[in-house]
Amino acid sequence: MYTAIGTANGREGRGVTSDGKLDVKLSLPTELGGDGSGTNPEQLFAVGYASCFTSAMQLVAKQQSLEIGDASVTAEIELNSNGKGGFGLAATLRVELPDHLTPEQGRALVEATHQVCPYSNATRGNIPVELVIE
């Protein structure tokens, strides 16, 4: 259906897509000893996951005949040591839904979205993903 192509030369460098629509300076965050002057892979992943999950939720809401208006998703992506000399990720998705949805409707919508979203399908079984409805 679609293939995105991106090239980067490390955490201290530049990331660019083949069409030039994304061209970002990359740097280590200050928490990891960098100067924090650019973005980083975890931030890019967070925005991508939040955007994708929101879009999938709009699709699922339409299929369920639910009006979700300007619902939004905030993704928190953690970079952690895996205890084996490498690194791992963990994700928390904070979903803001309209007040007119019941807690049951909201939970059903978010759980169904988690089965549809490509990022959720890619991460399932690979990293912990917590779904929080706010």
N, C-alpha and C. Protein backbone atom coordinates (compact mmCIF):
# COMPACT_ATOMS: atom_id res chain seq x y z
N MET A 1 0.81 -1.20 0.00
CA MET A 1 0.00 0.00 0.00
C MET A 1 0.85 1.26 0.00
N TYR A 2 1.93 1.27 0.81
CA TYR A 2 2.78 2.45 0.91
C TYR A 2 4.09 2.05 1.56
N THR A 3 5.18 2.64 1.11
CA THR A 3 6.49 2.42 1.71
C THR A 3 7.14 3.76 2.00
N ALA A 4 7.47 4.01 3.26
CA ALA A 4 8.22 5.21 3.64
C ALA A 4 9.69 4.84 3.65
N ILE A 5 10.52 5.77 3.19
CA ILE A 5 11.95 5.54 3.15
C ILE A 5 12.65 6.66 3.89
N GLY A 6 13.43 6.30 4.89
CA GLY A 6 14.18 7.28 5.67
C GLY A 6 15.62 6.83 5.85
N THR A 7 16.52 7.79 5.91
CA THR A 7 17.93 7.50 6.09
C THR A 7 18.46 8.36 7.23
N ALA A 8 19.27 7.74 8.09
CA ALA A 8 19.90 8.46 9.18
C ALA A 8 21.35 8.01 9.31
N ASN A 9 22.16 8.87 9.88
CA ASN A 9 23.56 8.52 10.08
C ASN A 9 23.94 8.50 11.56
N GLY A 10 23.02 8.04 12.40
CA GLY A 10 23.28 7.89 13.82
C GLY A 10 22.48 8.84 14.67
N ARG A 11 22.67 8.70 15.99
CA ARG A 11 21.94 9.55 16.93
C ARG A 11 22.46 10.97 16.97
N GLU A 12 23.65 11.20 16.47
CA GLU A 12 24.23 12.54 16.40
C GLU A 12 24.45 12.85 14.92
N GLY A 13 23.41 13.23 14.25
CA GLY A 13 23.53 13.47 12.81
C GLY A 13 22.27 14.05 12.23
N ARG A 14 21.81 13.41 11.18
CA ARG A 14 20.67 13.92 10.42
C ARG A 14 19.81 12.76 9.98
N GLY A 15 18.50 12.98 9.98
CA GLY A 15 17.55 12.01 9.45
C GLY A 15 16.73 12.68 8.37
N VAL A 16 16.55 11.98 7.26
CA VAL A 16 15.82 12.58 6.14
C VAL A 16 15.02 11.49 5.42
N THR A 17 13.86 11.87 4.93
CA THR A 17 13.07 10.94 4.12
C THR A 17 13.43 11.13 2.66
N SER A 18 13.14 10.11 1.87
CA SER A 18 13.53 10.13 0.45
C SER A 18 12.83 11.25 -0.32
N ASP A 19 11.65 11.67 0.15
CA ASP A 19 10.93 12.75 -0.54
C ASP A 19 11.29 14.13 0.01
N GLY A 20 12.14 14.18 1.05
CA GLY A 20 12.58 15.45 1.61
C GLY A 20 11.58 16.12 2.53
N LYS A 21 10.43 15.51 2.78
CA LYS A 21 9.42 16.14 3.62
C LYS A 21 9.81 16.15 5.10
N LEU A 22 10.70 15.25 5.48
CA LEU A 22 11.21 15.23 6.84
C LEU A 22 12.73 15.30 6.77
N ASP A 23 13.28 16.31 7.40
CA ASP A 23 14.73 16.50 7.42
C ASP A 23 15.05 17.07 8.79
N VAL A 24 15.55 16.23 9.69
CA VAL A 24 15.72 16.65 11.07
C VAL A 24 17.14 16.43 11.57
N LYS A 25 17.55 17.31 12.46
CA LYS A 25 18.81 17.16 13.17
C LYS A 25 18.58 16.16 14.28
N LEU A 26 19.48 15.21 14.42
CA LEU A 26 19.38 14.20 15.46
C LEU A 26 20.47 14.43 16.50
N SER A 27 20.11 14.26 17.77
CA SER A 27 21.09 14.37 18.83
C SER A 27 20.63 13.58 20.04
N LEU A 28 21.58 13.23 20.86
CA LEU A 28 21.26 12.56 22.12
C LEU A 28 20.53 13.53 23.02
N PRO A 29 19.51 13.05 23.75
CA PRO A 29 18.88 13.92 24.74
C PRO A 29 19.85 14.19 25.89
N THR A 30 19.62 15.27 26.59
CA THR A 30 20.50 15.61 27.70
C THR A 30 20.53 14.51 28.75
N GLU A 31 19.42 13.79 28.90
CA GLU A 31 19.35 12.70 29.89
C GLU A 31 20.34 11.57 29.58
N LEU A 32 20.77 11.50 28.31
CA LEU A 32 21.72 10.47 27.90
C LEU A 32 23.11 11.05 27.64
N GLY A 33 23.33 12.30 28.08
CA GLY A 33 24.64 12.90 27.95
C GLY A 33 24.84 13.75 26.71
N GLY A 34 23.79 13.93 25.92
CA GLY A 34 23.90 14.75 24.72
C GLY A 34 23.56 16.20 24.99
N ASP A 35 23.62 17.00 23.95
CA ASP A 35 23.28 18.41 24.11
C ASP A 35 21.80 18.68 23.89
N GLY A 36 21.05 17.69 23.40
CA GLY A 36 19.61 17.84 23.23
C GLY A 36 19.22 18.85 22.18
N SER A 37 20.13 19.19 21.27
CA SER A 37 19.83 20.24 20.29
C SER A 37 18.96 19.76 19.13
N GLY A 38 18.80 18.46 19.00
CA GLY A 38 17.97 17.92 17.92
C GLY A 38 16.95 16.95 18.49
N THR A 39 16.24 16.31 17.61
CA THR A 39 15.28 15.30 18.04
C THR A 39 16.00 13.96 18.15
N ASN A 40 15.27 12.93 18.55
CA ASN A 40 15.88 11.61 18.70
C ASN A 40 14.89 10.54 18.26
N PRO A 41 15.35 9.32 18.06
CA PRO A 41 14.48 8.25 17.55
C PRO A 41 13.26 7.99 18.44
N GLU A 42 13.42 8.14 19.75
CA GLU A 42 12.28 7.88 20.64
C GLU A 42 11.19 8.93 20.44
N GLN A 43 11.59 10.19 20.25
CA GLN A 43 10.60 11.23 19.98
C GLN A 43 9.90 11.00 18.65
N LEU A 44 10.66 10.62 17.64
CA LEU A 44 10.06 10.35 16.34
C LEU A 44 9.09 9.17 16.42
N PHE A 45 9.49 8.13 17.15
CA PHE A 45 8.62 6.97 17.34
C PHE A 45 7.36 7.36 18.10
N ALA A 46 7.49 8.20 19.13
CA ALA A 46 6.34 8.64 19.91
C ALA A 46 5.32 9.38 19.04
N VAL A 47 5.80 10.30 18.23
CA VAL A 47 4.89 11.05 17.35
C VAL A 47 4.26 10.13 16.31
N GLY A 48 5.05 9.23 15.74
CA GLY A 48 4.51 8.29 14.76
C GLY A 48 3.45 7.39 15.35
N TYR A 49 3.73 6.84 16.54
CA TYR A 49 2.78 5.92 17.18
C TYR A 49 1.50 6.68 17.55
N ALA A 50 1.65 7.87 18.14
CA ALA A 50 0.47 8.65 18.53
C ALA A 50 -0.39 9.00 17.33
N SER A 51 0.23 9.41 16.25
CA SER A 51 -0.49 9.77 15.03
C SER A 51 -1.20 8.57 14.44
N CYS A 52 -0.48 7.45 14.35
CA CYS A 52 -1.05 6.25 13.76
C CYS A 52 -2.21 5.72 14.61
N PHE A 53 -2.03 5.69 15.93
CA PHE A 53 -3.08 5.17 16.81
C PHE A 53 -4.33 6.05 16.73
N THR A 54 -4.14 7.38 16.69
CA THR A 54 -5.28 8.29 16.58
C THR A 54 -6.03 8.05 15.28
N SER A 55 -5.31 7.90 14.19
CA SER A 55 -5.93 7.66 12.89
C SER A 55 -6.69 6.33 12.89
N ALA A 56 -6.08 5.29 13.45
CA ALA A 56 -6.75 3.98 13.54
C ALA A 56 -7.99 4.08 14.41
N MET A 57 -7.92 4.87 15.47
CA MET A 57 -9.07 5.03 16.37
C MET A 57 -10.22 5.74 15.66
N GLN A 58 -9.91 6.70 14.81
CA GLN A 58 -10.96 7.36 14.03
C GLN A 58 -11.66 6.37 13.11
N LEU A 59 -10.88 5.48 12.50
CA LEU A 59 -11.45 4.45 11.63
C LEU A 59 -12.35 3.50 12.42
N VAL A 60 -11.85 3.02 13.56
CA VAL A 60 -12.63 2.09 14.38
C VAL A 60 -13.88 2.77 14.93
N ALA A 61 -13.77 4.02 15.35
CA ALA A 61 -14.93 4.75 15.86
C ALA A 61 -16.01 4.85 14.79
N LYS A 62 -15.59 5.13 13.57
CA LYS A 62 -16.56 5.22 12.47
C LYS A 62 -17.24 3.87 12.26
N GLN A 63 -16.46 2.78 12.31
CA GLN A 63 -17.04 1.44 12.15
C GLN A 63 -18.02 1.11 13.27
N GLN A 64 -17.77 1.66 14.47
CA GLN A 64 -18.64 1.41 15.62
C GLN A 64 -19.72 2.47 15.77
N SER A 65 -19.83 3.38 14.80
CA SER A 65 -20.79 4.48 14.81
C SER A 65 -20.65 5.35 16.05
N LEU A 66 -19.41 5.63 16.42
CA LEU A 66 -19.12 6.49 17.57
C LEU A 66 -18.54 7.81 17.06
N GLU A 67 -18.93 8.90 17.69
CA GLU A 67 -18.39 10.21 17.38
C GLU A 67 -17.31 10.52 18.42
N ILE A 68 -16.06 10.68 17.94
CA ILE A 68 -14.97 10.94 18.89
C ILE A 68 -14.34 12.32 18.71
N GLY A 69 -14.86 13.11 17.77
CA GLY A 69 -14.40 14.49 17.61
C GLY A 69 -12.90 14.62 17.56
N ASP A 70 -12.37 15.44 18.46
CA ASP A 70 -10.94 15.71 18.46
C ASP A 70 -10.19 14.89 19.51
N ALA A 71 -10.57 13.63 19.64
CA ALA A 71 -9.85 12.73 20.54
C ALA A 71 -8.37 12.75 20.17
N SER A 72 -7.51 12.53 21.14
CA SER A 72 -6.07 12.57 20.86
C SER A 72 -5.35 11.48 21.64
N VAL A 73 -4.14 11.21 21.19
CA VAL A 73 -3.30 10.19 21.82
C VAL A 73 -1.93 10.81 22.08
N THR A 74 -1.43 10.63 23.27
CA THR A 74 -0.06 11.01 23.62
C THR A 74 0.71 9.73 23.87
N ALA A 75 1.79 9.54 23.14
CA ALA A 75 2.62 8.35 23.30
C ALA A 75 3.87 8.71 24.09
N GLU A 76 4.15 7.92 25.11
CA GLU A 76 5.37 8.05 25.89
C GLU A 76 6.24 6.84 25.56
N ILE A 77 7.40 7.08 25.01
CA ILE A 77 8.31 6.00 24.63
C ILE A 77 9.53 6.05 25.54
N GLU A 78 9.73 4.98 26.28
CA GLU A 78 10.87 4.88 27.20
C GLU A 78 11.99 4.07 26.56
N LEU A 79 13.21 4.52 26.73
CA LEU A 79 14.40 3.78 26.35
C LEU A 79 15.02 3.25 27.64
N ASN A 80 15.17 1.95 27.71
CA ASN A 80 15.66 1.31 28.93
C ASN A 80 16.76 0.31 28.61
N SER A 81 17.56 0.00 29.60
CA SER A 81 18.53 -1.09 29.48
C SER A 81 17.76 -2.40 29.53
N ASN A 82 18.18 -3.36 28.71
CA ASN A 82 17.51 -4.66 28.76
C ASN A 82 18.20 -5.62 29.72
N GLY A 83 19.24 -5.14 30.42
CA GLY A 83 19.94 -5.97 31.38
C GLY A 83 20.90 -6.97 30.76
N LYS A 84 21.04 -6.95 29.44
CA LYS A 84 21.91 -7.89 28.73
C LYS A 84 22.94 -7.16 27.88
N GLY A 85 23.18 -5.90 28.21
CA GLY A 85 24.12 -5.11 27.44
C GLY A 85 23.50 -4.36 26.28
N GLY A 86 22.20 -4.50 26.10
CA GLY A 86 21.49 -3.82 25.02
C GLY A 86 20.41 -2.91 25.57
N PHE A 87 19.51 -2.55 24.72
CA PHE A 87 18.47 -1.60 25.09
C PHE A 87 17.11 -2.10 24.63
N GLY A 88 16.07 -1.60 25.27
CA GLY A 88 14.71 -1.94 24.91
C GLY A 88 13.82 -0.72 25.03
N LEU A 89 12.65 -0.84 24.50
CA LEU A 89 11.66 0.23 24.55
C LEU A 89 10.43 -0.22 25.32
N ALA A 90 9.70 0.73 25.84
CA ALA A 90 8.38 0.50 26.43
C ALA A 90 7.51 1.68 26.02
N ALA A 91 6.22 1.44 25.85
CA ALA A 91 5.32 2.50 25.40
C ALA A 91 4.11 2.61 26.33
N THR A 92 3.71 3.84 26.57
CA THR A 92 2.44 4.13 27.23
C THR A 92 1.66 5.03 26.28
N LEU A 93 0.44 4.63 25.96
CA LEU A 93 -0.44 5.46 25.12
C LEU A 93 -1.52 6.05 26.01
N ARG A 94 -1.54 7.37 26.10
CA ARG A 94 -2.55 8.08 26.89
C ARG A 94 -3.60 8.62 25.93
N VAL A 95 -4.79 8.05 26.01
CA VAL A 95 -5.86 8.36 25.07
C VAL A 95 -6.88 9.28 25.72
N GLU A 96 -7.10 10.43 25.10
CA GLU A 96 -8.11 11.37 25.58
C GLU A 96 -9.34 11.24 24.69
N LEU A 97 -10.46 10.86 25.31
CA LEU A 97 -11.71 10.64 24.60
C LEU A 97 -12.75 11.65 25.05
N PRO A 98 -13.76 11.89 24.22
CA PRO A 98 -14.82 12.82 24.62
C PRO A 98 -15.61 12.27 25.82
N ASP A 99 -16.14 13.19 26.61
CA ASP A 99 -16.86 12.83 27.83
C ASP A 99 -18.16 12.06 27.58
N HIS A 100 -18.73 12.20 26.38
CA HIS A 100 -20.02 11.53 26.13
C HIS A 100 -19.90 10.01 25.98
N LEU A 101 -18.68 9.51 25.82
CA LEU A 101 -18.51 8.06 25.75
C LEU A 101 -18.50 7.47 27.16
N THR A 102 -19.17 6.35 27.31
CA THR A 102 -19.13 5.66 28.60
C THR A 102 -17.75 5.02 28.77
N PRO A 103 -17.36 4.71 30.00
CA PRO A 103 -16.08 4.03 30.19
C PRO A 103 -16.00 2.71 29.41
N GLU A 104 -17.11 2.01 29.31
CA GLU A 104 -17.14 0.75 28.56
C GLU A 104 -16.92 0.99 27.07
N GLN A 105 -17.58 2.02 26.52
CA GLN A 105 -17.40 2.35 25.10
C GLN A 105 -15.95 2.75 24.83
N GLY A 106 -15.41 3.56 25.72
CA GLY A 106 -14.04 4.02 25.55
C GLY A 106 -13.05 2.86 25.59
N ARG A 107 -13.19 1.98 26.55
CA ARG A 107 -12.28 0.84 26.66
C ARG A 107 -12.41 -0.07 25.44
N ALA A 108 -13.63 -0.34 25.00
CA ALA A 108 -13.84 -1.19 23.83
C ALA A 108 -13.23 -0.56 22.57
N LEU A 109 -13.38 0.76 22.44
CA LEU A 109 -12.82 1.47 21.30
C LEU A 109 -11.29 1.38 21.30
N VAL A 110 -10.68 1.64 22.44
CA VAL A 110 -9.22 1.63 22.54
C VAL A 110 -8.67 0.22 22.33
N GLU A 111 -9.31 -0.78 22.90
CA GLU A 111 -8.85 -2.16 22.72
C GLU A 111 -8.97 -2.59 21.25
N ALA A 112 -10.07 -2.22 20.60
CA ALA A 112 -10.24 -2.56 19.18
C ALA A 112 -9.21 -1.83 18.33
N THR A 113 -8.94 -0.58 18.67
CA THR A 113 -7.94 0.19 17.94
C THR A 113 -6.57 -0.45 18.08
N HIS A 114 -6.26 -0.96 19.24
CA HIS A 114 -4.97 -1.60 19.51
C HIS A 114 -4.78 -2.84 18.62
N GLN A 115 -5.86 -3.42 18.14
CA GLN A 115 -5.79 -4.57 17.23
C GLN A 115 -5.64 -4.14 15.77
N VAL A 116 -6.00 -2.89 15.47
CA VAL A 116 -6.00 -2.38 14.09
C VAL A 116 -4.72 -1.59 13.77
N CYS A 117 -4.24 -0.82 14.72
CA CYS A 117 -3.11 0.09 14.49
C CYS A 117 -1.85 -0.67 14.07
N PRO A 118 -1.22 -0.29 12.96
CA PRO A 118 0.01 -0.96 12.52
C PRO A 118 1.14 -0.89 13.54
N TYR A 119 1.27 0.22 14.25
CA TYR A 119 2.32 0.33 15.27
C TYR A 119 2.04 -0.65 16.41
N SER A 120 0.79 -0.77 16.81
CA SER A 120 0.44 -1.73 17.86
C SER A 120 0.72 -3.15 17.40
N ASN A 121 0.39 -3.44 16.15
CA ASN A 121 0.65 -4.78 15.63
C ASN A 121 2.15 -5.06 15.52
N ALA A 122 2.93 -4.05 15.22
CA ALA A 122 4.38 -4.23 15.12
C ALA A 122 5.04 -4.41 16.48
N THR A 123 4.50 -3.74 17.49
CA THR A 123 5.12 -3.81 18.82
C THR A 123 4.60 -4.97 19.66
N ARG A 124 3.43 -5.49 19.31
CA ARG A 124 2.82 -6.54 20.13
C ARG A 124 3.76 -7.73 20.30
N GLY A 125 4.00 -8.08 21.55
CA GLY A 125 4.88 -9.20 21.87
C GLY A 125 6.35 -8.83 21.84
N ASN A 126 6.67 -7.61 21.44
CA ASN A 126 8.05 -7.16 21.36
C ASN A 126 8.43 -6.16 22.45
N ILE A 127 7.50 -5.27 22.76
CA ILE A 127 7.73 -4.31 23.83
C ILE A 127 6.43 -4.17 24.63
N PRO A 128 6.54 -3.82 25.92
CA PRO A 128 5.32 -3.58 26.68
C PRO A 128 4.63 -2.30 26.20
N VAL A 129 3.32 -2.39 26.03
CA VAL A 129 2.51 -1.22 25.65
C VAL A 129 1.36 -1.13 26.65
N GLU A 130 1.30 -0.01 27.36
CA GLU A 130 0.22 0.24 28.31
C GLU A 130 -0.77 1.21 27.69
N LEU A 131 -2.05 0.88 27.77
CA LEU A 131 -3.11 1.75 27.26
C LEU A 131 -3.79 2.43 28.44
N VAL A 132 -3.80 3.76 28.45
CA VAL A 132 -4.39 4.53 29.54
C VAL A 132 -5.44 5.45 28.93
N ILE A 133 -6.66 5.37 29.42
CA ILE A 133 -7.73 6.26 28.96
C ILE A 133 -7.87 7.38 29.97
N GLU A 134 -7.74 8.60 29.48
CA GLU A 134 -7.80 9.77 30.37
C GLU A 134 -9.03 10.60 30.11
